[in-house]
């Protein structure tokens, strides 16, 4: 779907931005459920953790904040396949170019 933007029409620009946001969040039909789940989970997390900052309410206890954050980001990581092992495998560690035998002799 291609549209030619009208440079002076802010509504047309907003329409194009919404189309781009939709393509970013849901690049194919298989991610629709994950995207909806992510939005709901993030909304609940934001209401519990960030909500009291914008209202006059007392903040939630730190156990609830830490627990909710840990659960939310663990679930999101599993849903979108973001795992620490996978990220760490991409990081290469070097020891200054020395072989294992050279370091054992020292």
PDB file of N, CA and C in Angstrom:
ATOM      1  N   UNK A   1       0.847  -1.158   0.000  1.00  0.00           N
ATOM      2  CA  UNK A   1       0.000   0.000   0.000  1.00  0.00           C
ATOM      3  C   UNK A   1       0.898   1.228   0.000  1.00  0.00           C
ATOM      4  N   UNK A   2       0.834   1.967  -1.042  1.00  0.00           N
ATOM      5  CA  UNK A   2       1.676   3.144  -1.177  1.00  0.00           C
ATOM      6  C   UNK A   2       0.797   4.385  -1.217  1.00  0.00           C
ATOM      7  N   UNK A   3       1.205   5.370  -0.474  1.00  0.00           N
ATOM      8  CA  UNK A   3       0.471   6.631  -0.484  1.00  0.00           C
ATOM      9  C   UNK A   3       1.451   7.756  -0.712  1.00  0.00           C
ATOM     10  N   UNK A   4       1.003   8.755  -1.433  1.00  0.00           N
ATOM     11  CA  UNK A   4       1.823   9.944  -1.629  1.00  0.00           C
ATOM     12  C   UNK A   4       1.405  10.970  -0.593  1.00  0.00           C
ATOM     13  N   UNK A   5       2.328  11.352   0.269  1.00  0.00           N
ATOM     14  CA  UNK A   5       1.944  12.298   1.320  1.00  0.00           C
ATOM     15  C   UNK A   5       1.737  13.701   0.772  1.00  0.00           C
ATOM     16  N   UNK A   6       0.760  14.364   1.338  1.00  0.00           N
ATOM     17  CA  UNK A   6       0.568  15.775   1.052  1.00  0.00           C
ATOM     18  C   UNK A   6       1.336  16.527   2.122  1.00  0.00           C
ATOM     19  N   UNK A   7       2.266  17.319   1.721  1.00  0.00           N
ATOM     20  CA  UNK A   7       3.191  17.944   2.666  1.00  0.00           C
ATOM     21  C   UNK A   7       2.514  18.867   3.664  1.00  0.00           C
ATOM     22  N   UNK A   8       1.388  19.429   3.309  1.00  0.00           N
ATOM     23  CA  UNK A   8       0.758  20.392   4.212  1.00  0.00           C
ATOM     24  C   UNK A   8      -0.408  19.805   5.012  1.00  0.00           C
ATOM     25  N   UNK A   9      -0.735  18.529   4.814  1.00  0.00           N
ATOM     26  CA  UNK A   9      -1.892  17.938   5.485  1.00  0.00           C
ATOM     27  C   UNK A   9      -1.441  17.108   6.691  1.00  0.00           C
ATOM     28  N   UNK A  10      -1.657  17.596   7.927  1.00  0.00           N
ATOM     29  CA  UNK A  10      -1.214  16.836   9.098  1.00  0.00           C
ATOM     30  C   UNK A  10      -2.004  15.541   9.306  1.00  0.00           C
ATOM     31  N   UNK A  11      -3.258  15.489   8.880  1.00  0.00           N
ATOM     32  CA  UNK A  11      -4.031  14.254   9.023  1.00  0.00           C
ATOM     33  C   UNK A  11      -3.493  13.151   8.119  1.00  0.00           C
ATOM     34  N   UNK A  12      -3.067  13.520   6.924  1.00  0.00           N
ATOM     35  CA  UNK A  12      -2.486  12.540   6.020  1.00  0.00           C
ATOM     36  C   UNK A  12      -1.166  12.018   6.584  1.00  0.00           C
ATOM     37  N   UNK A  13      -0.392  12.901   7.178  1.00  0.00           N
ATOM     38  CA  UNK A  13       0.866  12.496   7.804  1.00  0.00           C
ATOM     39  C   UNK A  13       0.610  11.563   8.986  1.00  0.00           C
ATOM     40  N   UNK A  14      -0.416  11.840   9.780  1.00  0.00           N
ATOM     41  CA  UNK A  14      -0.760  10.974  10.907  1.00  0.00           C
ATOM     42  C   UNK A  14      -1.199   9.596  10.413  1.00  0.00           C
ATOM     43  N   UNK A  15      -1.945   9.561   9.305  1.00  0.00           N
ATOM     44  CA  UNK A  15      -2.372   8.284   8.731  1.00  0.00           C
ATOM     45  C   UNK A  15      -1.164   7.455   8.311  1.00  0.00           C
ATOM     46  N   UNK A  16      -0.194   8.081   7.700  1.00  0.00           N
ATOM     47  CA  UNK A  16       1.013   7.372   7.266  1.00  0.00           C
ATOM     48  C   UNK A  16       1.806   6.870   8.467  1.00  0.00           C
ATOM     49  N   UNK A  17       1.889   7.668   9.515  1.00  0.00           N
ATOM     50  CA  UNK A  17       2.605   7.243  10.722  1.00  0.00           C
ATOM     51  C   UNK A  17       1.924   6.046  11.373  1.00  0.00           C
ATOM     52  N   UNK A  18       0.595   6.015  11.383  1.00  0.00           N
ATOM     53  CA  UNK A  18      -0.135   4.884  11.956  1.00  0.00           C
ATOM     54  C   UNK A  18       0.096   3.626  11.126  1.00  0.00           C
ATOM     55  N   UNK A  19       0.130   3.758   9.815  1.00  0.00           N
ATOM     56  CA  UNK A  19       0.414   2.608   8.956  1.00  0.00           C
ATOM     57  C   UNK A  19       1.811   2.069   9.246  1.00  0.00           C
ATOM     58  N   UNK A  20       2.779   2.957   9.378  1.00  0.00           N
ATOM     59  CA  UNK A  20       4.153   2.530   9.674  1.00  0.00           C
ATOM     60  C   UNK A  20       4.249   1.878  11.047  1.00  0.00           C
ATOM     61  N   UNK A  21       3.539   2.409  12.032  1.00  0.00           N
ATOM     62  CA  UNK A  21       3.541   1.810  13.364  1.00  0.00           C
ATOM     63  C   UNK A  21       2.935   0.411  13.324  1.00  0.00           C
ATOM     64  N   UNK A  22       1.863   0.248  12.588  1.00  0.00           N
ATOM     65  CA  UNK A  22       1.256  -1.076  12.451  1.00  0.00           C
ATOM     66  C   UNK A  22       2.182  -2.071  11.793  1.00  0.00           C
ATOM     67  N   UNK A  23       2.909  -1.652  10.778  1.00  0.00           N
ATOM     68  CA  UNK A  23       3.864  -2.548  10.123  1.00  0.00           C
ATOM     69  C   UNK A  23       5.032  -2.891  11.033  1.00  0.00           C
ATOM     70  N   UNK A  24       5.402  -1.964  11.900  1.00  0.00           N
ATOM     71  CA  UNK A  24       6.496  -2.225  12.827  1.00  0.00           C
ATOM     72  C   UNK A  24       6.075  -3.210  13.902  1.00  0.00           C
ATOM     73  N   UNK A  25       4.893  -3.025  14.477  1.00  0.00           N
ATOM     74  CA  UNK A  25       4.438  -3.896  15.556  1.00  0.00           C
ATOM     75  C   UNK A  25       3.985  -5.264  15.060  1.00  0.00           C
ATOM     76  N   UNK A  26       3.413  -5.326  13.880  1.00  0.00           N
ATOM     77  CA  UNK A  26       2.904  -6.587  13.357  1.00  0.00           C
ATOM     78  C   UNK A  26       3.408  -6.802  11.935  1.00  0.00           C
ATOM     79  N   UNK A  27       4.668  -7.233  11.778  1.00  0.00           N
ATOM     80  CA  UNK A  27       5.205  -7.390  10.433  1.00  0.00           C
ATOM     81  C   UNK A  27       4.553  -8.519   9.638  1.00  0.00           C
ATOM     82  N   UNK A  28       3.982  -9.521  10.315  1.00  0.00           N
ATOM     83  CA  UNK A  28       3.277 -10.587   9.618  1.00  0.00           C
ATOM     84  C   UNK A  28       2.094 -11.048  10.472  1.00  0.00           C
ATOM     85  N   UNK A  29       1.321 -11.956   9.919  1.00  0.00           N
ATOM     86  CA  UNK A  29       0.101 -12.369  10.623  1.00  0.00           C
ATOM     87  C   UNK A  29       0.382 -13.252  11.831  1.00  0.00           C
ATOM     88  N   UNK A  30       1.565 -13.856  11.926  1.00  0.00           N
ATOM     89  CA  UNK A  30       1.868 -14.748  13.042  1.00  0.00           C
ATOM     90  C   UNK A  30       2.136 -14.001  14.343  1.00  0.00           C
ATOM     91  N   UNK A  31       2.444 -12.730  14.284  1.00  0.00           N
ATOM     92  CA  UNK A  31       2.797 -11.992  15.492  1.00  0.00           C
ATOM     93  C   UNK A  31       1.632 -11.198  16.075  1.00  0.00           C
ATOM     94  N   UNK A  32       0.450 -11.328  15.518  1.00  0.00           N
ATOM     95  CA  UNK A  32      -0.682 -10.533  15.990  1.00  0.00           C
ATOM     96  C   UNK A  32      -1.004 -10.826  17.451  1.00  0.00           C
ATOM     97  N   UNK A  33      -1.093 -12.101  17.820  1.00  0.00           N
ATOM     98  CA  UNK A  33      -1.427 -12.463  19.198  1.00  0.00           C
ATOM     99  C   UNK A  33      -0.335 -12.019  20.160  1.00  0.00           C
ATOM    100  N   UNK A  34       0.920 -12.194  19.746  1.00  0.00           N
ATOM    101  CA  UNK A  34       2.023 -11.764  20.610  1.00  0.00           C
ATOM    102  C   UNK A  34       2.010 -10.256  20.798  1.00  0.00           C
ATOM    103  N   UNK A  35       1.686  -9.530  19.755  1.00  0.00           N
ATOM    104  CA  UNK A  35       1.645  -8.071  19.859  1.00  0.00           C
ATOM    105  C   UNK A  35       0.531  -7.626  20.797  1.00  0.00           C
ATOM    106  N   UNK A  36      -0.636  -8.214  20.674  1.00  0.00           N
ATOM    107  CA  UNK A  36      -1.749  -7.869  21.563  1.00  0.00           C
ATOM    108  C   UNK A  36      -1.397  -8.236  23.002  1.00  0.00           C
ATOM    109  N   UNK A  37      -0.816  -9.414  23.199  1.00  0.00           N
ATOM    110  CA  UNK A  37      -0.389  -9.823  24.540  1.00  0.00           C
ATOM    111  C   UNK A  37       0.652  -8.894  25.124  1.00  0.00           C
ATOM    112  N   UNK A  38       1.577  -8.453  24.287  1.00  0.00           N
ATOM    113  CA  UNK A  38       2.611  -7.524  24.741  1.00  0.00           C
ATOM    114  C   UNK A  38       2.008  -6.194  25.159  1.00  0.00           C
ATOM    115  N   UNK A  39       1.088  -5.680  24.370  1.00  0.00           N
ATOM    116  CA  UNK A  39       0.460  -4.398  24.698  1.00  0.00           C
ATOM    117  C   UNK A  39      -0.326  -4.500  26.002  1.00  0.00           C
ATOM    118  N   UNK A  40      -1.064  -5.602  26.186  1.00  0.00           N
ATOM    119  CA  UNK A  40      -1.833  -5.777  27.423  1.00  0.00           C
ATOM    120  C   UNK A  40      -0.900  -5.915  28.618  1.00  0.00           C
ATOM    121  N   UNK A  41       0.129  -6.758  28.493  1.00  0.00           N
ATOM    122  CA  UNK A  41       1.063  -6.967  29.596  1.00  0.00           C
ATOM    123  C   UNK A  41       1.816  -5.681  29.938  1.00  0.00           C
ATOM    124  N   UNK A  42       2.235  -4.945  28.923  1.00  0.00           N
ATOM    125  CA  UNK A  42       2.926  -3.685  29.172  1.00  0.00           C
ATOM    126  C   UNK A  42       1.987  -2.671  29.818  1.00  0.00           C
ATOM    127  N   UNK A  43       0.729  -2.664  29.411  1.00  0.00           N
ATOM    128  CA  UNK A  43      -0.240  -1.750  30.021  1.00  0.00           C
ATOM    129  C   UNK A  43      -0.466  -2.048  31.492  1.00  0.00           C
ATOM    130  N   UNK A  44      -0.587  -3.336  31.829  1.00  0.00           N
ATOM    131  CA  UNK A  44      -0.764  -3.717  33.235  1.00  0.00           C
ATOM    132  C   UNK A  44       0.476  -3.349  34.036  1.00  0.00           C
ATOM    133  N   UNK A  45       1.651  -3.651  33.475  1.00  0.00           N
ATOM    134  CA  UNK A  45       2.910  -3.310  34.160  1.00  0.00           C
ATOM    135  C   UNK A  45       3.014  -1.800  34.378  1.00  0.00           C
ATOM    136  N   UNK A  46       2.693  -1.021  33.359  1.00  0.00           N
ATOM    137  CA  UNK A  46       2.780   0.435  33.475  1.00  0.00           C
ATOM    138  C   UNK A  46       1.782   0.968  34.496  1.00  0.00           C
ATOM    139  N   UNK A  47       0.592   0.375  34.554  1.00  0.00           N
ATOM    140  CA  UNK A  47      -0.405   0.828  35.530  1.00  0.00           C
ATOM    141  C   UNK A  47       0.054   0.558  36.956  1.00  0.00           C
ATOM    142  N   UNK A  48       0.693  -0.580  37.180  1.00  0.00           N
ATOM    143  CA  UNK A  48       1.136  -0.928  38.533  1.00  0.00           C
ATOM    144  C   UNK A  48       2.392  -0.166  38.927  1.00  0.00           C
ATOM    145  N   UNK A  49       3.368  -0.128  38.031  1.00  0.00           N
ATOM    146  CA  UNK A  49       4.680   0.431  38.379  1.00  0.00           C
ATOM    147  C   UNK A  49       4.745   1.933  38.133  1.00  0.00           C
ATOM    148  N   UNK A  50       4.299   2.371  36.969  1.00  0.00           N
ATOM    149  CA  UNK A  50       4.444   3.782  36.607  1.00  0.00           C
ATOM    150  C   UNK A  50       3.217   4.624  36.935  1.00  0.00           C
ATOM    151  N   UNK A  51       2.068   3.997  37.067  1.00  0.00           N
ATOM    152  CA  UNK A  51       0.823   4.720  37.308  1.00  0.00           C
ATOM    153  C   UNK A  51       0.838   5.642  38.507  1.00  0.00           C
ATOM    154  N   UNK A  52       1.309   5.186  39.674  1.00  0.00           N
ATOM    155  CA  UNK A  52       1.294   6.065  40.847  1.00  0.00           C
ATOM    156  C   UNK A  52       2.141   7.328  40.702  1.00  0.00           C
ATOM    157  N   UNK A  53       3.095   7.335  39.788  1.00  0.00           N
ATOM    158  CA  UNK A  53       3.915   8.540  39.607  1.00  0.00           C
ATOM    159  C   UNK A  53       3.109   9.683  39.016  1.00  0.00           C
ATOM    160  N   UNK A  54       2.077   9.360  38.254  1.00  0.00           N
ATOM    161  CA  UNK A  54       1.307  10.386  37.566  1.00  0.00           C
ATOM    162  C   UNK A  54       0.005  10.730  38.270  1.00  0.00           C
ATOM    163  N   UNK A  55      -0.277  10.056  39.369  1.00  0.00           N
ATOM    164  CA  UNK A  55      -1.480  10.350  40.146  1.00  0.00           C
ATOM    165  C   UNK A  55      -1.065  10.667  41.573  1.00  0.00           C
ATOM    166  N   UNK A  56      -2.007  10.997  42.384  1.00  0.00           N
ATOM    167  CA  UNK A  56      -1.707  11.311  43.777  1.00  0.00           C
ATOM    168  C   UNK A  56      -1.642  10.085  44.670  1.00  0.00           C
ATOM    169  N   UNK A  57      -1.681   8.896  44.085  1.00  0.00           N
ATOM    170  CA  UNK A  57      -1.696   7.669  44.878  1.00  0.00           C
ATOM    171  C   UNK A  57      -0.315   7.367  45.453  1.00  0.00           C
ATOM    172  N   UNK A  58      -0.320   6.595  46.528  1.00  0.00           N
ATOM    173  CA  UNK A  58       0.946   6.131  47.086  1.00  0.00           C
ATOM    174  C   UNK A  58       1.547   5.095  46.145  1.00  0.00           C
ATOM    175  N   UNK A  59       2.868   5.091  46.005  1.00  0.00           N
ATOM    176  CA  UNK A  59       3.487   4.095  45.125  1.00  0.00           C
ATOM    177  C   UNK A  59       3.330   2.689  45.696  1.00  0.00           C
ATOM    178  N   UNK A  60       3.363   1.727  44.819  1.00  0.00           N
ATOM    179  CA  UNK A  60       3.259   0.332  45.251  1.00  0.00           C
ATOM    180  C   UNK A  60       4.512  -0.058  46.026  1.00  0.00           C
ATOM    181  N   UNK A  61       4.380  -1.067  46.875  1.00  0.00           N
ATOM    182  CA  UNK A  61       5.534  -1.530  47.643  1.00  0.00           C
ATOM    183  C   UNK A  61       6.600  -2.044  46.694  1.00  0.00           C
ATOM    184  N   UNK A  62       7.853  -1.961  47.119  1.00  0.00           N
ATOM    185  CA  UNK A  62       8.943  -2.312  46.219  1.00  0.00           C
ATOM    186  C   UNK A  62       8.917  -3.795  45.845  1.00  0.00           C
ATOM    187  N   UNK A  63       8.401  -4.659  46.718  1.00  0.00           N
ATOM    188  CA  UNK A  63       8.307  -6.076  46.374  1.00  0.00           C
ATOM    189  C   UNK A  63       7.370  -6.286  45.185  1.00  0.00           C
ATOM    190  N   UNK A  64       6.289  -5.531  45.174  1.00  0.00           N
ATOM    191  CA  UNK A  64       5.333  -5.646  44.075  1.00  0.00           C
ATOM    192  C   UNK A  64       5.937  -5.093  42.794  1.00  0.00           C
ATOM    193  N   UNK A  65       6.637  -3.972  42.892  1.00  0.00           N
ATOM    194  CA  UNK A  65       7.247  -3.360  41.711  1.00  0.00           C
ATOM    195  C   UNK A  65       8.305  -4.282  41.120  1.00  0.00           C
ATOM    196  N   UNK A  66       9.199  -4.789  41.955  1.00  0.00           N
ATOM    197  CA  UNK A  66      10.272  -5.651  41.459  1.00  0.00           C
ATOM    198  C   UNK A  66       9.701  -6.962  40.926  1.00  0.00           C
ATOM    199  N   UNK A  67       8.764  -7.547  41.652  1.00  0.00           N
ATOM    200  CA  UNK A  67       8.164  -8.802  41.199  1.00  0.00           C
ATOM    201  C   UNK A  67       7.405  -8.655  39.897  1.00  0.00           C
ATOM    202  N   UNK A  68       6.619  -7.601  39.792  1.00  0.00           N
ATOM    203  CA  UNK A  68       5.857  -7.358  38.571  1.00  0.00           C
ATOM    204  C   UNK A  68       6.778  -7.103  37.391  1.00  0.00           C
ATOM    205  N   UNK A  69       7.833  -6.330  37.615  1.00  0.00           N
ATOM    206  CA  UNK A  69       8.787  -6.053  36.543  1.00  0.00           C
ATOM    207  C   UNK A  69       9.491  -7.329  36.103  1.00  0.00           C
ATOM    208  N   UNK A  70       9.919  -8.147  37.049  1.00  0.00           N
ATOM    209  CA  UNK A  70      10.602  -9.393  36.704  1.00  0.00           C
ATOM    210  C   UNK A  70       9.692 -10.330  35.921  1.00  0.00           C
ATOM    211  N   UNK A  71       8.461 -10.475  36.370  1.00  0.00           N
ATOM    212  CA  UNK A  71       7.525 -11.360  35.671  1.00  0.00           C
ATOM    213  C   UNK A  71       7.209 -10.822  34.282  1.00  0.00           C
ATOM    214  N   UNK A  72       6.949  -9.523  34.184  1.00  0.00           N
ATOM    215  CA  UNK A  72       6.589  -8.939  32.887  1.00  0.00           C
ATOM    216  C   UNK A  72       7.711  -9.100  31.878  1.00  0.00           C
ATOM    217  N   UNK A  73       8.929  -8.781  32.271  1.00  0.00           N
ATOM    218  CA  UNK A  73      10.018  -8.858  31.308  1.00  0.00           C
ATOM    219  C   UNK A  73      10.447 -10.292  31.027  1.00  0.00           C
ATOM    220  N   UNK A  74      10.233 -11.211  31.959  1.00  0.00           N
ATOM    221  CA  UNK A  74      10.487 -12.624  31.679  1.00  0.00           C
ATOM    222  C   UNK A  74       9.487 -13.152  30.657  1.00  0.00           C
ATOM    223  N   UNK A  75       8.220 -12.829  30.845  1.00  0.00           N
ATOM    224  CA  UNK A  75       7.197 -13.281  29.898  1.00  0.00           C
ATOM    225  C   UNK A  75       7.426 -12.656  28.527  1.00  0.00           C
ATOM    226  N   UNK A  76       7.723 -11.365  28.490  1.00  0.00           N
ATOM    227  CA  UNK A  76       7.984 -10.714  27.204  1.00  0.00           C
ATOM    228  C   UNK A  76       9.209 -11.305  26.524  1.00  0.00           C
ATOM    229  N   UNK A  77      10.237 -11.604  27.299  1.00  0.00           N
ATOM    230  CA  UNK A  77      11.437 -12.216  26.727  1.00  0.00           C
ATOM    231  C   UNK A  77      11.152 -13.576  26.125  1.00  0.00           C
ATOM    232  N   UNK A  78      10.342 -14.373  26.797  1.00  0.00           N
ATOM    233  CA  UNK A  78       9.983 -15.692  26.264  1.00  0.00           C
ATOM    234  C   UNK A  78       9.072 -15.568  25.041  1.00  0.00           C
ATOM    235  N   UNK A  79       8.135 -14.613  25.073  1.00  0.00           N
ATOM    236  CA  UNK A  79       7.221 -14.453  23.940  1.00  0.00           C
ATOM    237  C   UNK A  79       7.964 -14.040  22.680  1.00  0.00           C
ATOM    238  N   UNK A  80       8.918 -13.132  22.810  1.00  0.00           N
ATOM    239  CA  UNK A  80       9.619 -12.601  21.648  1.00  0.00           C
ATOM    240  C   UNK A  80      10.981 -13.244  21.453  1.00  0.00           C
ATOM    241  N   UNK A  81      11.283 -14.284  22.228  1.00  0.00           N
ATOM    242  CA  UNK A  81      12.517 -15.052  22.110  1.00  0.00           C
ATOM    243  C   UNK A  81      13.753 -14.194  22.373  1.00  0.00           C
ATOM    244  N   UNK A  82      13.659 -13.325  23.380  1.00  0.00           N
ATOM    245  CA  UNK A  82      14.818 -12.577  23.853  1.00  0.00           C
ATOM    246  C   UNK A  82      15.319 -13.294  25.090  1.00  0.00           C
ATOM    247  N   UNK A  83      16.425 -13.948  24.994  1.00  0.00           N
ATOM    248  CA  UNK A  83      16.945 -14.672  26.135  1.00  0.00           C
ATOM    249  C   UNK A  83      18.378 -14.255  26.382  1.00  0.00           C
ATOM    250  N   UNK A  84      18.793 -14.346  27.630  1.00  0.00           N
ATOM    251  CA  UNK A  84      20.142 -13.924  27.995  1.00  0.00           C
ATOM    252  C   UNK A  84      21.180 -14.811  27.325  1.00  0.00           C
ATOM    253  N   UNK A  85      20.952 -16.114  27.293  1.00  0.00           N
ATOM    254  CA  UNK A  85      21.913 -17.015  26.659  1.00  0.00           C
ATOM    255  C   UNK A  85      22.118 -16.650  25.200  1.00  0.00           C
ATOM    256  N   UNK A  86      21.034 -16.364  24.530  1.00  0.00           N
ATOM    257  CA  UNK A  86      21.113 -16.020  23.112  1.00  0.00           C
ATOM    258  C   UNK A  86      21.890 -14.720  22.914  1.00  0.00           C
ATOM    259  N   UNK A  87      21.662 -13.760  23.788  1.00  0.00           N
ATOM    260  CA  UNK A  87      22.380 -12.488  23.679  1.00  0.00           C
ATOM    261  C   UNK A  87      23.853 -12.665  24.021  1.00  0.00           C
ATOM    262  N   UNK A  88      24.143 -13.491  25.015  1.00  0.00           N
ATOM    263  CA  UNK A  88      25.533 -13.694  25.405  1.00  0.00           C
ATOM    264  C   UNK A  88      26.309 -14.489  24.372  1.00  0.00           C
ATOM    265  N   UNK A  89      25.660 -15.372  23.643  1.00  0.00           N
ATOM    266  CA  UNK A  89      26.348 -16.115  22.594  1.00  0.00           C
ATOM    267  C   UNK A  89      26.807 -15.196  21.472  1.00  0.00           C
ATOM    268  N   UNK A  90      26.141 -14.083  21.295  1.00  0.00           N
ATOM    269  CA  UNK A  90      26.526 -13.142  20.248  1.00  0.00           C
ATOM    270  C   UNK A  90      27.721 -12.294  20.660  1.00  0.00           C
ATOM    271  N   UNK A  91      28.017 -12.236  21.956  1.00  0.00           N
ATOM    272  CA  UNK A  91      29.132 -11.433  22.446  1.00  0.00           C
ATOM    273  C   UNK A  91      30.391 -12.281  22.418  1.00  0.00           C
ATOM    274  N   UNK A  92      31.428 -11.783  21.766  1.00  0.00           N
ATOM    275  CA  UNK A  92      32.692 -12.519  21.735  1.00  0.00           C
ATOM    276  C   UNK A  92      33.645 -11.912  22.747  1.00  0.00           C
ATOM    277  N   UNK A  93      34.239 -12.769  23.526  1.00  0.00           N
ATOM    278  CA  UNK A  93      35.197 -12.336  24.535  1.00  0.00           C
ATOM    279  C   UNK A  93      36.589 -12.759  24.098  1.00  0.00           C
ATOM    280  N   UNK A  94      37.531 -11.867  24.229  1.00  0.00           N
ATOM    281  CA  UNK A  94      38.907 -12.203  23.869  1.00  0.00           C
ATOM    282  C   UNK A  94      39.791 -12.068  25.090  1.00  0.00           C
ATOM    283  N   UNK A  95      40.911 -12.757  25.028  1.00  0.00           N
ATOM    284  CA  UNK A  95      41.868 -12.703  26.126  1.00  0.00           C
ATOM    285  C   UNK A  95      43.169 -12.026  25.699  1.00  0.00           C
ATOM    286  N   UNK A  96      43.094 -11.136  24.773  1.00  0.00           N
ATOM    287  CA  UNK A  96      44.271 -10.403  24.321  1.00  0.00           C
ATOM    288  C   UNK A  96      45.043 -11.124  23.235  1.00  0.00           C
ATOM    289  N   UNK A  97      44.487 -12.158  22.638  1.00  0.00           N
ATOM    290  CA  UNK A  97      45.135 -12.854  21.543  1.00  0.00           C
ATOM    291  C   UNK A  97      46.055 -13.979  21.969  1.00  0.00           C
ATOM    292  N   UNK A  98      46.132 -14.275  23.246  1.00  0.00           N
ATOM    293  CA  UNK A  98      47.005 -15.349  23.713  1.00  0.00           C
ATOM    294  C   UNK A  98      46.265 -16.676  23.640  1.00  0.00           C
ATOM    295  N   UNK A  99      46.995 -17.713  23.317  1.00  0.00           N
ATOM    296  CA  UNK A  99      46.379 -19.033  23.301  1.00  0.00           C
ATOM    297  C   UNK A  99      46.309 -19.588  24.713  1.00  0.00           C
ATOM    298  N   UNK A 100      45.570 -20.654  24.884  1.00  0.00           N
ATOM    299  CA  UNK A 100      45.382 -21.235  26.208  1.00  0.00           C
ATOM    300  C   UNK A 100      46.699 -21.785  26.761  1.00  0.00           C
ATOM    301  N   UNK A 101      47.539 -22.351  25.895  1.00  0.00           N
ATOM    302  CA  UNK A 101      48.816 -22.906  26.332  1.00  0.00           C
ATOM    303  C   UNK A 101      49.761 -21.815  26.828  1.00  0.00           C
ATOM    304  N   UNK A 102      49.749 -20.646  26.185  1.00  0.00           N
ATOM    305  CA  UNK A 102      50.621 -19.544  26.601  1.00  0.00           C
ATOM    306  C   UNK A 102      50.246 -19.034  27.983  1.00  0.00           C
ATOM    307  N   UNK A 103      48.962 -18.996  28.289  1.00  0.00           N
ATOM    308  CA  UNK A 103      48.542 -18.484  29.591  1.00  0.00           C
ATOM    309  C   UNK A 103      48.821 -19.484  30.701  1.00  0.00           C
ATOM    310  N   UNK A 104      48.841 -20.788  30.397  1.00  0.00           N
ATOM    311  CA  UNK A 104      49.132 -21.794  31.416  1.00  0.00           C
ATOM    312  C   UNK A 104      50.605 -21.809  31.787  1.00  0.00           C
ATOM    313  N   UNK A 105      51.493 -21.409  30.865  1.00  0.00           N
ATOM    314  CA  UNK A 105      52.931 -21.408  31.129  1.00  0.00           C
ATOM    315  C   UNK A 105      53.333 -20.298  32.083  1.00  0.00           C
ATOM    316  N   UNK A 106      52.560 -19.221  32.140  1.00  0.00           N
ATOM    317  CA  UNK A 106      52.926 -18.075  32.984  1.00  0.00           C
ATOM    318  C   UNK A 106      52.840 -18.349  34.429  1.00  0.00           C
TER     319      UNK A 106
END
